[in-house]
Amino acid sequence: MHVKYTSIWSCGAEINSTAEYDPITGELDVEISNSMPDDSSILKREYITLPDEEEIEVCTDCHAFTMGVVVGDNADFSYGQTSVCRNPDCDSNS
């Protein structure tokens, strides 16, 4: 599925490009823009926008998969909703 990819940076820059999104696996293939913020800027958020305008967060660790919601026991022994990367090999899931 063809989607819009957006990254938001600490310097205030918002960079838009396109991506191919697999809704089954959550995997993304982003067409990287040549426009990048300065070296001191930190990535704050990245997300995709589906054709129906729904926004889905992208993992800011691996940058290649969307985030999914899991309901259950959390790592801190609480119970509730947690966002996890849909990439089973992503370091953010450790």
N, C-alpha and C. Protein backbone atom coordinates (compact mmCIF):
# COMPACT_ATOMS: atom_id res chain seq x y z
N MET A 1 0.85 -1.17 0.00
CA MET A 1 0.00 0.00 0.00
C MET A 1 0.90 1.24 0.00
N HIS A 2 0.58 2.20 -0.83
CA HIS A 2 1.34 3.44 -0.93
C HIS A 2 0.85 4.41 0.16
N VAL A 3 1.78 4.92 1.01
CA VAL A 3 1.42 5.81 2.11
C VAL A 3 2.36 7.01 2.15
N LYS A 4 1.97 8.01 2.93
CA LYS A 4 2.81 9.18 3.18
C LYS A 4 3.60 8.92 4.46
N TYR A 5 4.90 9.19 4.42
CA TYR A 5 5.78 9.04 5.58
C TYR A 5 6.20 10.43 6.06
N THR A 6 6.13 10.65 7.38
CA THR A 6 6.50 11.94 7.96
C THR A 6 7.45 11.73 9.12
N SER A 7 8.53 12.52 9.15
CA SER A 7 9.42 12.53 10.31
C SER A 7 9.47 13.96 10.86
N ILE A 8 9.45 14.06 12.19
CA ILE A 8 9.45 15.36 12.86
C ILE A 8 10.72 15.43 13.72
N TRP A 9 11.43 16.54 13.60
CA TRP A 9 12.74 16.70 14.22
C TRP A 9 12.73 17.80 15.27
N SER A 10 13.69 17.73 16.20
CA SER A 10 13.75 18.68 17.32
C SER A 10 13.96 20.12 16.86
N CYS A 11 14.54 20.34 15.70
CA CYS A 11 14.74 21.71 15.18
C CYS A 11 13.45 22.29 14.61
N GLY A 12 12.38 21.49 14.59
CA GLY A 12 11.11 21.95 14.06
C GLY A 12 10.85 21.50 12.63
N ALA A 13 11.84 20.87 12.01
CA ALA A 13 11.67 20.41 10.62
C ALA A 13 10.69 19.25 10.56
N GLU A 14 9.86 19.26 9.53
CA GLU A 14 8.95 18.15 9.23
C GLU A 14 9.26 17.71 7.81
N ILE A 15 9.71 16.48 7.68
CA ILE A 15 10.12 15.97 6.37
C ILE A 15 9.12 14.92 5.92
N ASN A 16 8.60 15.10 4.72
CA ASN A 16 7.60 14.19 4.16
C ASN A 16 8.19 13.46 2.96
N SER A 17 7.87 12.19 2.85
CA SER A 17 8.22 11.41 1.67
C SER A 17 7.17 10.32 1.52
N THR A 18 7.40 9.40 0.64
CA THR A 18 6.45 8.31 0.42
C THR A 18 7.06 6.99 0.89
N ALA A 19 6.19 6.02 1.08
CA ALA A 19 6.63 4.70 1.51
C ALA A 19 5.65 3.66 1.01
N GLU A 20 6.13 2.45 0.93
CA GLU A 20 5.27 1.30 0.70
C GLU A 20 5.09 0.60 2.05
N TYR A 21 3.85 0.28 2.39
CA TYR A 21 3.50 -0.27 3.70
C TYR A 21 2.80 -1.59 3.52
N ASP A 22 3.25 -2.60 4.26
CA ASP A 22 2.60 -3.90 4.28
C ASP A 22 1.76 -3.97 5.56
N PRO A 23 0.43 -3.83 5.46
CA PRO A 23 -0.41 -3.81 6.66
C PRO A 23 -0.44 -5.15 7.41
N ILE A 24 -0.06 -6.23 6.75
CA ILE A 24 -0.04 -7.55 7.42
C ILE A 24 1.16 -7.64 8.37
N THR A 25 2.34 -7.26 7.89
CA THR A 25 3.56 -7.38 8.70
C THR A 25 3.93 -6.09 9.42
N GLY A 26 3.44 -4.95 8.92
CA GLY A 26 3.82 -3.66 9.48
C GLY A 26 5.12 -3.12 8.91
N GLU A 27 5.69 -3.83 7.92
CA GLU A 27 6.97 -3.42 7.36
C GLU A 27 6.83 -2.24 6.41
N LEU A 28 7.83 -1.35 6.42
CA LEU A 28 7.85 -0.16 5.58
C LEU A 28 9.07 -0.17 4.68
N ASP A 29 8.90 0.38 3.50
CA ASP A 29 10.00 0.66 2.60
C ASP A 29 9.88 2.14 2.26
N VAL A 30 10.67 2.97 2.98
CA VAL A 30 10.56 4.42 2.87
C VAL A 30 11.49 4.93 1.78
N GLU A 31 10.96 5.81 0.94
CA GLU A 31 11.77 6.50 -0.05
C GLU A 31 12.34 7.74 0.64
N ILE A 32 13.61 7.65 1.04
CA ILE A 32 14.24 8.70 1.83
C ILE A 32 14.36 9.99 1.02
N SER A 33 13.99 11.07 1.68
CA SER A 33 14.07 12.39 1.06
C SER A 33 15.51 12.89 1.11
N ASN A 34 15.90 13.69 0.14
CA ASN A 34 17.22 14.31 0.16
C ASN A 34 17.29 15.46 1.15
N SER A 35 16.15 15.90 1.62
CA SER A 35 16.08 17.01 2.56
C SER A 35 16.17 16.47 3.98
N MET A 36 17.26 16.77 4.67
CA MET A 36 17.45 16.31 6.05
C MET A 36 17.77 17.51 6.93
N PRO A 37 17.38 17.46 8.22
CA PRO A 37 17.70 18.57 9.13
C PRO A 37 19.19 18.58 9.46
N ASP A 38 19.63 19.62 10.17
CA ASP A 38 21.04 19.72 10.53
C ASP A 38 21.45 18.57 11.46
N ASP A 39 22.75 18.35 11.59
CA ASP A 39 23.28 17.22 12.34
C ASP A 39 22.94 17.23 13.82
N SER A 40 22.66 18.39 14.38
CA SER A 40 22.36 18.46 15.82
C SER A 40 20.90 18.17 16.13
N SER A 41 20.07 18.03 15.13
CA SER A 41 18.65 17.78 15.33
C SER A 41 18.40 16.32 15.69
N ILE A 42 17.43 16.11 16.57
CA ILE A 42 17.09 14.76 17.04
C ILE A 42 15.70 14.38 16.52
N LEU A 43 15.57 13.17 16.04
CA LEU A 43 14.28 12.66 15.57
C LEU A 43 13.33 12.56 16.76
N LYS A 44 12.18 13.22 16.67
CA LYS A 44 11.19 13.22 17.75
C LYS A 44 10.05 12.24 17.49
N ARG A 45 9.65 12.14 16.23
CA ARG A 45 8.48 11.30 15.91
C ARG A 45 8.53 10.95 14.43
N GLU A 46 8.07 9.75 14.10
CA GLU A 46 7.86 9.39 12.71
C GLU A 46 6.59 8.56 12.62
N TYR A 47 5.84 8.80 11.54
CA TYR A 47 4.57 8.12 11.37
C TYR A 47 4.23 8.05 9.89
N ILE A 48 3.28 7.16 9.59
CA ILE A 48 2.76 7.09 8.23
C ILE A 48 1.31 7.53 8.26
N THR A 49 0.84 8.01 7.12
CA THR A 49 -0.56 8.39 6.96
C THR A 49 -1.15 7.51 5.86
N LEU A 50 -2.16 6.74 6.24
CA LEU A 50 -2.82 5.84 5.29
C LEU A 50 -3.72 6.64 4.35
N PRO A 51 -4.16 6.04 3.25
CA PRO A 51 -5.06 6.74 2.32
C PRO A 51 -6.34 7.28 2.97
N ASP A 52 -6.81 6.63 4.06
CA ASP A 52 -8.01 7.10 4.75
C ASP A 52 -7.69 8.16 5.82
N GLU A 53 -6.43 8.66 5.83
CA GLU A 53 -5.94 9.70 6.74
C GLU A 53 -5.62 9.20 8.15
N GLU A 54 -5.72 7.90 8.41
CA GLU A 54 -5.32 7.35 9.71
C GLU A 54 -3.80 7.43 9.83
N GLU A 55 -3.31 7.88 11.01
CA GLU A 55 -1.89 7.95 11.27
C GLU A 55 -1.46 6.75 12.11
N ILE A 56 -0.33 6.15 11.74
CA ILE A 56 0.23 5.02 12.49
C ILE A 56 1.69 5.35 12.81
N GLU A 57 2.05 5.23 14.08
CA GLU A 57 3.41 5.52 14.51
C GLU A 57 4.39 4.52 13.92
N VAL A 58 5.60 5.00 13.62
CA VAL A 58 6.70 4.17 13.12
C VAL A 58 7.70 4.02 14.26
N CYS A 59 8.32 2.87 14.36
CA CYS A 59 9.32 2.62 15.39
C CYS A 59 10.51 3.56 15.20
N THR A 60 10.85 4.32 16.23
CA THR A 60 11.98 5.25 16.15
C THR A 60 13.31 4.57 16.46
N ASP A 61 13.28 3.25 16.68
CA ASP A 61 14.53 2.50 16.85
C ASP A 61 14.97 1.87 15.53
N CYS A 62 14.10 1.06 14.93
CA CYS A 62 14.50 0.37 13.68
C CYS A 62 14.09 1.14 12.43
N HIS A 63 13.09 2.02 12.53
CA HIS A 63 12.62 2.88 11.43
C HIS A 63 12.04 2.09 10.24
N ALA A 64 11.84 0.81 10.39
CA ALA A 64 11.42 -0.01 9.25
C ALA A 64 10.07 -0.69 9.46
N PHE A 65 9.48 -0.53 10.63
CA PHE A 65 8.20 -1.16 10.94
C PHE A 65 7.32 -0.19 11.72
N THR A 66 6.02 -0.40 11.64
CA THR A 66 5.09 0.40 12.43
C THR A 66 4.99 -0.18 13.84
N MET A 67 4.39 0.62 14.71
CA MET A 67 4.15 0.19 16.08
C MET A 67 2.78 -0.46 16.16
N GLY A 68 2.65 -1.43 17.04
CA GLY A 68 1.38 -2.08 17.28
C GLY A 68 1.02 -1.96 18.75
N VAL A 69 -0.22 -2.14 19.07
CA VAL A 69 -0.68 -2.05 20.46
C VAL A 69 -0.90 -3.46 20.99
N VAL A 70 -0.34 -3.70 22.17
CA VAL A 70 -0.51 -4.98 22.85
C VAL A 70 -1.18 -4.69 24.19
N VAL A 71 -2.18 -5.48 24.53
CA VAL A 71 -2.86 -5.34 25.82
C VAL A 71 -2.47 -6.54 26.67
N GLY A 72 -2.01 -6.25 27.89
CA GLY A 72 -1.62 -7.33 28.80
C GLY A 72 -0.64 -6.83 29.83
N ASP A 73 0.15 -7.77 30.38
CA ASP A 73 1.14 -7.44 31.39
C ASP A 73 2.31 -6.70 30.75
N ASN A 74 2.70 -5.58 31.35
CA ASN A 74 3.82 -4.79 30.87
C ASN A 74 5.10 -5.20 31.60
N ALA A 75 6.24 -4.74 31.09
CA ALA A 75 7.53 -5.07 31.69
C ALA A 75 7.63 -4.59 33.14
N ASP A 76 6.91 -3.51 33.48
CA ASP A 76 6.96 -3.00 34.86
C ASP A 76 5.90 -3.66 35.76
N PHE A 77 5.34 -4.77 35.31
CA PHE A 77 4.35 -5.57 36.03
C PHE A 77 2.99 -4.90 36.14
N SER A 78 2.78 -3.82 35.41
CA SER A 78 1.45 -3.22 35.35
C SER A 78 0.67 -3.91 34.23
N TYR A 79 -0.61 -3.61 34.15
CA TYR A 79 -1.46 -4.19 33.12
C TYR A 79 -2.05 -3.06 32.31
N GLY A 80 -2.04 -3.17 31.01
CA GLY A 80 -2.63 -2.14 30.17
C GLY A 80 -2.14 -2.23 28.74
N GLN A 81 -2.31 -1.13 28.00
CA GLN A 81 -1.89 -1.07 26.61
C GLN A 81 -0.44 -0.61 26.52
N THR A 82 0.31 -1.25 25.64
CA THR A 82 1.71 -0.89 25.39
C THR A 82 1.93 -0.88 23.89
N SER A 83 2.69 0.09 23.41
CA SER A 83 3.07 0.12 21.99
C SER A 83 4.37 -0.66 21.83
N VAL A 84 4.37 -1.56 20.86
CA VAL A 84 5.57 -2.35 20.57
C VAL A 84 5.83 -2.33 19.07
N CYS A 85 7.10 -2.43 18.72
CA CYS A 85 7.47 -2.49 17.32
C CYS A 85 7.01 -3.83 16.75
N ARG A 86 6.49 -3.81 15.53
CA ARG A 86 6.02 -5.04 14.90
C ARG A 86 7.17 -5.87 14.31
N ASN A 87 8.40 -5.35 14.38
CA ASN A 87 9.58 -6.09 13.96
C ASN A 87 10.03 -6.95 15.13
N PRO A 88 9.91 -8.28 15.03
CA PRO A 88 10.28 -9.13 16.17
C PRO A 88 11.76 -9.05 16.53
N ASP A 89 12.60 -8.58 15.61
CA ASP A 89 14.04 -8.48 15.87
C ASP A 89 14.48 -7.10 16.33
N CYS A 90 13.56 -6.18 16.52
CA CYS A 90 13.92 -4.81 16.91
C CYS A 90 14.39 -4.76 18.36
N ASP A 91 15.44 -3.99 18.61
CA ASP A 91 15.98 -3.84 19.97
C ASP A 91 14.99 -3.21 20.92
N SER A 92 14.03 -2.44 20.42
CA SER A 92 13.06 -1.78 21.30
C SER A 92 12.14 -2.79 22.00
N ASN A 93 12.07 -4.01 21.49
CA ASN A 93 11.21 -5.04 22.07
C ASN A 93 11.90 -5.85 23.16
N SER A 94 13.16 -5.53 23.46
CA SER A 94 13.89 -6.31 24.48
C SER A 94 13.53 -5.87 25.87
